[in-house]
Amino acid sequence: MNNEDQGYSLLELMAVVLIIAIIALSTLPLLHEQMAAREIDIIARRFIAHAQFARAQAFQLGVPIRITPINGGLWEEGWAVKNVCNDRQPKSGCVERQWISQGDLGQVYFKGGGKQFIDPHTSKRGILFSAAGAAKTAQGGFVANRLILGHDRDSGLERQLILGSGGRWRICDPTKDPKACK
């Protein structure tokens, strides 16, 4: 047995490293897409959890609770869950309180489209849950609506957060089930 037959040549090792590098580079875009989809799903689930918390608080406390964009702006700035003081409640009996807020959304953003839970009477964004736990407009009508989430890294990636008339939320991926998202 020669010393020459005991190992791999530098050329063979370089070929293996090159093959591994090509495979890694070809899977990188898929990895980025999966990471972006995961980030959108996390924000979508967090929003729904906060909306369900707002609904539960409204029902439990017997007072209106709102999930609304921070500072009354756009959803992209984040959102907050707050109680609502109105004219029917004595000023001394109502203390505005914010329970939960979500600020920085990272590279996730709310796309245009959908009605974005804009009250047709007041033109304000947000979801008001009545003391009975129902999503209502300022005039008492039901708010069946949707928000559409996107990601900076992949403009074609989207998730829709849909609130049904029974108060049930669902997350819809239009690329996988376009009929369910309509």
C-alpha atoms as a PDB file:
ATOM      1  CA  MET A   1       0.000   0.000   0.000  1.00  0.00           C
ATOM      2  CA  ASN A   2       1.391   3.404  -1.048  1.00  0.00           C
ATOM      3  CA  ASN A   3       1.193   6.666   0.847  1.00  0.00           C
ATOM      4  CA  GLU A   4      -0.574   8.026  -2.224  1.00  0.00           C
ATOM      5  CA  ASP A   5      -3.628   5.774  -1.736  1.00  0.00           C
ATOM      6  CA  GLN A   6      -4.419   6.772   1.848  1.00  0.00           C
ATOM      7  CA  GLY A   7      -6.519   9.935   1.437  1.00  0.00           C
ATOM      8  CA  TYR A   8      -8.389  12.279  -0.817  1.00  0.00           C
ATOM      9  CA  SER A   9      -6.708  14.708  -3.120  1.00  0.00           C
ATOM     10  CA  LEU A  10      -7.172  18.436  -2.703  1.00  0.00           C
ATOM     11  CA  LEU A  11      -9.098  18.491  -5.985  1.00  0.00           C
ATOM     12  CA  GLU A  12     -11.620  15.917  -4.716  1.00  0.00           C
ATOM     13  CA  LEU A  13     -12.146  17.840  -1.466  1.00  0.00           C
ATOM     14  CA  MET A  14     -12.653  21.088  -3.372  1.00  0.00           C
ATOM     15  CA  ALA A  15     -15.212  19.400  -5.636  1.00  0.00           C
ATOM     16  CA  VAL A  16     -17.193  18.187  -2.597  1.00  0.00           C
ATOM     17  CA  VAL A  17     -17.081  21.645  -1.000  1.00  0.00           C
ATOM     18  CA  LEU A  18     -18.245  23.197  -4.290  1.00  0.00           C
ATOM     19  CA  ILE A  19     -21.192  20.801  -4.537  1.00  0.00           C
ATOM     20  CA  ILE A  20     -22.218  21.541  -0.944  1.00  0.00           C
ATOM     21  CA  ALA A  21     -21.958  25.295  -1.603  1.00  0.00           C
ATOM     22  CA  ILE A  22     -24.151  25.036  -4.717  1.00  0.00           C
ATOM     23  CA  ILE A  23     -26.801  23.068  -2.825  1.00  0.00           C
ATOM     24  CA  ALA A  24     -26.729  25.554   0.069  1.00  0.00           C
ATOM     25  CA  LEU A  25     -27.072  28.538  -2.277  1.00  0.00           C
ATOM     26  CA  SER A  26     -29.943  26.965  -4.181  1.00  0.00           C
ATOM     27  CA  THR A  27     -31.926  26.361  -0.965  1.00  0.00           C
ATOM     28  CA  LEU A  28     -31.291  29.836   0.492  1.00  0.00           C
ATOM     29  CA  PRO A  29     -34.232  31.574  -1.272  1.00  0.00           C
ATOM     30  CA  LEU A  30     -36.584  28.850  -0.047  1.00  0.00           C
ATOM     31  CA  LEU A  31     -35.258  29.285   3.477  1.00  0.00           C
ATOM     32  CA  HIS A  32     -35.811  33.062   3.297  1.00  0.00           C
ATOM     33  CA  GLU A  33     -39.370  32.534   2.045  1.00  0.00           C
ATOM     34  CA  GLN A  34     -40.123  30.093   4.862  1.00  0.00           C
ATOM     35  CA  MET A  35     -38.689  32.505   7.436  1.00  0.00           C
ATOM     36  CA  ALA A  36     -40.802  35.352   6.038  1.00  0.00           C
ATOM     37  CA  ALA A  37     -43.935  33.172   6.081  1.00  0.00           C
ATOM     38  CA  ARG A  38     -43.193  32.221   9.677  1.00  0.00           C
ATOM     39  CA  GLU A  39     -42.802  35.887  10.672  1.00  0.00           C
ATOM     40  CA  ILE A  40     -46.161  36.738   9.065  1.00  0.00           C
ATOM     41  CA  ASP A  41     -47.836  33.799  10.814  1.00  0.00           C
ATOM     42  CA  ILE A  42     -46.427  34.899  14.191  1.00  0.00           C
ATOM     43  CA  ILE A  43     -47.775  38.450  13.777  1.00  0.00           C
ATOM     44  CA  ALA A  44     -51.132  37.120  12.499  1.00  0.00           C
ATOM     45  CA  ARG A  45     -51.534  34.767  15.457  1.00  0.00           C
ATOM     46  CA  ARG A  46     -50.481  37.494  17.906  1.00  0.00           C
ATOM     47  CA  PHE A  47     -53.055  39.901  16.433  1.00  0.00           C
ATOM     48  CA  ILE A  48     -55.801  37.273  16.689  1.00  0.00           C
ATOM     49  CA  ALA A  49     -54.797  36.421  20.266  1.00  0.00           C
ATOM     50  CA  HIS A  50     -54.988  40.112  21.205  1.00  0.00           C
ATOM     51  CA  ALA A  51     -58.368  40.490  19.468  1.00  0.00           C
ATOM     52  CA  GLN A  52     -59.684  37.422  21.309  1.00  0.00           C
ATOM     53  CA  PHE A  53     -58.372  38.880  24.575  1.00  0.00           C
ATOM     54  CA  ALA A  54     -60.200  42.154  23.834  1.00  0.00           C
ATOM     55  CA  ARG A  55     -63.414  40.260  23.153  1.00  0.00           C
ATOM     56  CA  ALA A  56     -63.073  38.202  26.337  1.00  0.00           C
ATOM     57  CA  GLN A  57     -62.380  41.331  28.424  1.00  0.00           C
ATOM     58  CA  ALA A  58     -65.443  43.070  26.968  1.00  0.00           C
ATOM     59  CA  PHE A  59     -67.610  40.084  27.799  1.00  0.00           C
ATOM     60  CA  GLN A  60     -66.134  39.562  31.275  1.00  0.00           C
ATOM     61  CA  LEU A  61     -66.104  43.214  32.373  1.00  0.00           C
ATOM     62  CA  GLY A  62     -69.336  44.177  30.624  1.00  0.00           C
ATOM     63  CA  VAL A  63     -67.787  47.244  28.981  1.00  0.00           C
ATOM     64  CA  PRO A  64     -66.777  47.978  25.387  1.00  0.00           C
ATOM     65  CA  ILE A  65     -63.169  47.106  24.544  1.00  0.00           C
ATOM     66  CA  ARG A  66     -61.357  48.139  21.372  1.00  0.00           C
ATOM     67  CA  ILE A  67     -58.356  46.817  19.503  1.00  0.00           C
ATOM     68  CA  THR A  68     -57.115  49.759  17.503  1.00  0.00           C
ATOM     69  CA  PRO A  69     -54.002  50.981  15.706  1.00  0.00           C
ATOM     70  CA  ILE A  70     -51.551  52.719  18.015  1.00  0.00           C
ATOM     71  CA  ASN A  71     -52.077  56.501  18.068  1.00  0.00           C
ATOM     72  CA  GLY A  72     -55.173  56.114  15.872  1.00  0.00           C
ATOM     73  CA  GLY A  73     -52.974  55.734  12.794  1.00  0.00           C
ATOM     74  CA  LEU A  74     -52.418  52.781  10.529  1.00  0.00           C
ATOM     75  CA  TRP A  75     -52.177  49.125  11.540  1.00  0.00           C
ATOM     76  CA  GLU A  76     -48.506  49.100  10.409  1.00  0.00           C
ATOM     77  CA  GLU A  77     -47.603  51.139  13.495  1.00  0.00           C
ATOM     78  CA  GLY A  78     -48.908  48.356  15.709  1.00  0.00           C
ATOM     79  CA  TRP A  79     -52.049  48.034  17.797  1.00  0.00           C
ATOM     80  CA  ALA A  80     -53.333  48.323  21.330  1.00  0.00           C
ATOM     81  CA  VAL A  81     -56.200  46.818  23.331  1.00  0.00           C
ATOM     82  CA  LYS A  82     -58.025  49.488  25.353  1.00  0.00           C
ATOM     83  CA  ASN A  83     -61.307  49.948  27.137  1.00  0.00           C
ATOM     84  CA  VAL A  84     -63.672  52.570  25.760  1.00  0.00           C
ATOM     85  CA  CYS A  85     -65.119  55.384  27.831  1.00  0.00           C
ATOM     86  CA  ASN A  86     -68.246  56.804  26.269  1.00  0.00           C
ATOM     87  CA  ASP A  87     -71.006  59.296  27.063  1.00  0.00           C
ATOM     88  CA  ARG A  88     -73.198  56.654  28.724  1.00  0.00           C
ATOM     89  CA  GLN A  89     -70.612  55.990  31.426  1.00  0.00           C
ATOM     90  CA  PRO A  90     -69.998  58.528  34.172  1.00  0.00           C
ATOM     91  CA  LYS A  91     -66.563  60.114  33.831  1.00  0.00           C
ATOM     92  CA  SER A  92     -65.648  59.090  37.369  1.00  0.00           C
ATOM     93  CA  GLY A  93     -66.653  55.469  36.711  1.00  0.00           C
ATOM     94  CA  CYS A  94     -64.580  54.985  33.588  1.00  0.00           C
ATOM     95  CA  VAL A  95     -60.836  54.924  33.628  1.00  0.00           C
ATOM     96  CA  GLU A  96     -59.197  54.415  30.265  1.00  0.00           C
ATOM     97  CA  ARG A  97     -56.853  51.495  30.444  1.00  0.00           C
ATOM     98  CA  GLN A  98     -54.565  49.876  27.907  1.00  0.00           C
ATOM     99  CA  TRP A  99     -53.956  46.169  28.471  1.00  0.00           C
ATOM    100  CA  ILE A 100     -51.814  45.014  25.589  1.00  0.00           C
ATOM    101  CA  SER A 101     -49.957  46.715  22.792  1.00  0.00           C
ATOM    102  CA  GLN A 102     -47.830  45.534  19.913  1.00  0.00           C
ATOM    103  CA  GLY A 103     -45.444  48.019  18.373  1.00  0.00           C
ATOM    104  CA  ASP A 104     -42.667  47.125  15.954  1.00  0.00           C
ATOM    105  CA  LEU A 105     -43.813  44.530  13.422  1.00  0.00           C
ATOM    106  CA  GLY A 106     -40.366  44.061  11.901  1.00  0.00           C
ATOM    107  CA  GLN A 107     -40.581  43.387   8.179  1.00  0.00           C
ATOM    108  CA  VAL A 108     -44.262  42.434   8.340  1.00  0.00           C
ATOM    109  CA  TYR A 109     -46.746  45.084   7.218  1.00  0.00           C
ATOM    110  CA  PHE A 110     -50.463  45.452   6.624  1.00  0.00           C
ATOM    111  CA  LYS A 111     -51.246  45.630   2.917  1.00  0.00           C
ATOM    112  CA  GLY A 112     -53.969  47.714   1.406  1.00  0.00           C
ATOM    113  CA  GLY A 113     -57.082  45.826   0.462  1.00  0.00           C
ATOM    114  CA  GLY A 114     -59.874  44.600   2.630  1.00  0.00           C
ATOM    115  CA  LYS A 115     -61.735  47.190   4.627  1.00  0.00           C
ATOM    116  CA  GLN A 116     -59.096  47.103   7.371  1.00  0.00           C
ATOM    117  CA  PHE A 117     -61.815  47.337  10.009  1.00  0.00           C
ATOM    118  CA  ILE A 118     -62.620  50.955   9.227  1.00  0.00           C
ATOM    119  CA  ASP A 119     -65.916  51.976  10.828  1.00  0.00           C
ATOM    120  CA  PRO A 120     -68.078  53.372   7.991  1.00  0.00           C
ATOM    121  CA  HIS A 121     -69.681  55.919  10.363  1.00  0.00           C
ATOM    122  CA  THR A 122     -66.593  57.312  12.097  1.00  0.00           C
ATOM    123  CA  SER A 123     -63.871  56.412   9.527  1.00  0.00           C
ATOM    124  CA  LYS A 124     -61.699  55.168  12.416  1.00  0.00           C
ATOM    125  CA  ARG A 125     -59.741  51.932  12.214  1.00  0.00           C
ATOM    126  CA  GLY A 126     -60.273  49.391  14.930  1.00  0.00           C
ATOM    127  CA  ILE A 127     -62.540  46.677  16.208  1.00  0.00           C
ATOM    128  CA  LEU A 128     -64.956  47.552  18.984  1.00  0.00           C
ATOM    129  CA  PHE A 129     -66.213  44.617  21.029  1.00  0.00           C
ATOM    130  CA  SER A 130     -69.476  45.325  22.806  1.00  0.00           C
ATOM    131  CA  ALA A 131     -70.161  44.265  26.395  1.00  0.00           C
ATOM    132  CA  ALA A 132     -71.711  41.115  24.883  1.00  0.00           C
ATOM    133  CA  GLY A 133     -68.418  40.345  23.103  1.00  0.00           C
ATOM    134  CA  ALA A 134     -69.714  41.134  19.610  1.00  0.00           C
ATOM    135  CA  ALA A 135     -67.634  43.091  17.072  1.00  0.00           C
ATOM    136  CA  LYS A 136     -69.676  46.193  16.324  1.00  0.00           C
ATOM    137  CA  THR A 137     -69.386  49.534  14.573  1.00  0.00           C
ATOM    138  CA  ALA A 138     -70.046  52.748  16.485  1.00  0.00           C
ATOM    139  CA  GLN A 139     -73.659  52.585  15.253  1.00  0.00           C
ATOM    140  CA  GLY A 140     -74.105  48.954  16.356  1.00  0.00           C
ATOM    141  CA  GLY A 141     -73.696  47.170  13.013  1.00  0.00           C
ATOM    142  CA  PHE A 142     -71.603  44.017  12.697  1.00  0.00           C
ATOM    143  CA  VAL A 143     -68.046  44.297  11.455  1.00  0.00           C
ATOM    144  CA  ALA A 144     -67.167  41.333   9.231  1.00  0.00           C
ATOM    145  CA  ASN A 145     -63.858  42.267   7.795  1.00  0.00           C
ATOM    146  CA  ARG A 146     -60.268  41.350   7.000  1.00  0.00           C
ATOM    147  CA  LEU A 147     -56.711  42.530   7.338  1.00  0.00           C
ATOM    148  CA  ILE A 148     -54.035  41.529   4.843  1.00  0.00           C
ATOM    149  CA  LEU A 149     -50.461  40.992   5.995  1.00  0.00           C
ATOM    150  CA  GLY A 150     -47.418  41.118   3.725  1.00  0.00           C
ATOM    151  CA  HIS A 151     -43.653  40.878   4.132  1.00  0.00           C
ATOM    152  CA  ASP A 152     -40.861  43.173   2.918  1.00  0.00           C
ATOM    153  CA  ARG A 153     -38.697  40.257   1.749  1.00  0.00           C
ATOM    154  CA  ASP A 154     -41.344  38.692  -0.486  1.00  0.00           C
ATOM    155  CA  SER A 155     -44.017  40.908  -2.038  1.00  0.00           C
ATOM    156  CA  GLY A 156     -46.045  37.903  -3.206  1.00  0.00           C
ATOM    157  CA  LEU A 157     -46.341  36.481   0.289  1.00  0.00           C
ATOM    158  CA  GLU A 158     -49.595  37.295   2.041  1.00  0.00           C
ATOM    159  CA  ARG A 159     -51.895  36.135   4.823  1.00  0.00           C
ATOM    160  CA  GLN A 160     -55.428  37.358   5.371  1.00  0.00           C
ATOM    161  CA  LEU A 161     -56.905  37.659   8.865  1.00  0.00           C
ATOM    162  CA  ILE A 162     -60.643  37.225   8.495  1.00  0.00           C
ATOM    163  CA  LEU A 163     -63.249  37.836  11.202  1.00  0.00           C
ATOM    164  CA  GLY A 164     -66.486  35.968  10.545  1.00  0.00           C
ATOM    165  CA  SER A 165     -69.945  36.964  11.733  1.00  0.00           C
ATOM    166  CA  GLY A 166     -69.798  34.467  14.612  1.00  0.00           C
ATOM    167  CA  GLY A 167     -66.642  36.067  15.994  1.00  0.00           C
ATOM    168  CA  ARG A 168     -64.382  33.302  14.684  1.00  0.00           C
ATOM    169  CA  TRP A 169     -61.012  34.321  13.270  1.00  0.00           C
ATOM    170  CA  ARG A 170     -59.160  32.487  10.564  1.00  0.00           C
ATOM    171  CA  ILE A 171     -55.874  32.953   8.764  1.00  0.00           C
ATOM    172  CA  CYS A 172     -56.097  32.435   5.034  1.00  0.00           C
ATOM    173  CA  ASP A 173     -53.224  31.868   2.596  1.00  0.00           C
ATOM    174  CA  PRO A 174     -54.478  32.891  -0.878  1.00  0.00           C
ATOM    175  CA  THR A 175     -51.735  30.921  -2.655  1.00  0.00           C
ATOM    176  CA  LYS A 176     -52.860  27.655  -1.049  1.00  0.00           C
ATOM    177  CA  ASP A 177     -56.625  28.164  -0.953  1.00  0.00           C
ATOM    178  CA  PRO A 178     -57.823  31.145  -3.025  1.00  0.00           C
ATOM    179  CA  LYS A 179     -61.498  30.187  -2.729  1.00  0.00           C
ATOM    180  CA  ALA A 180     -61.408  30.263   1.088  1.00  0.00           C
ATOM    181  CA  CYS A 181     -59.963  33.790   1.029  1.00  0.00           C
ATOM    182  CA  LYS A 182     -62.832  35.343  -0.898  1.00  0.00           C
END
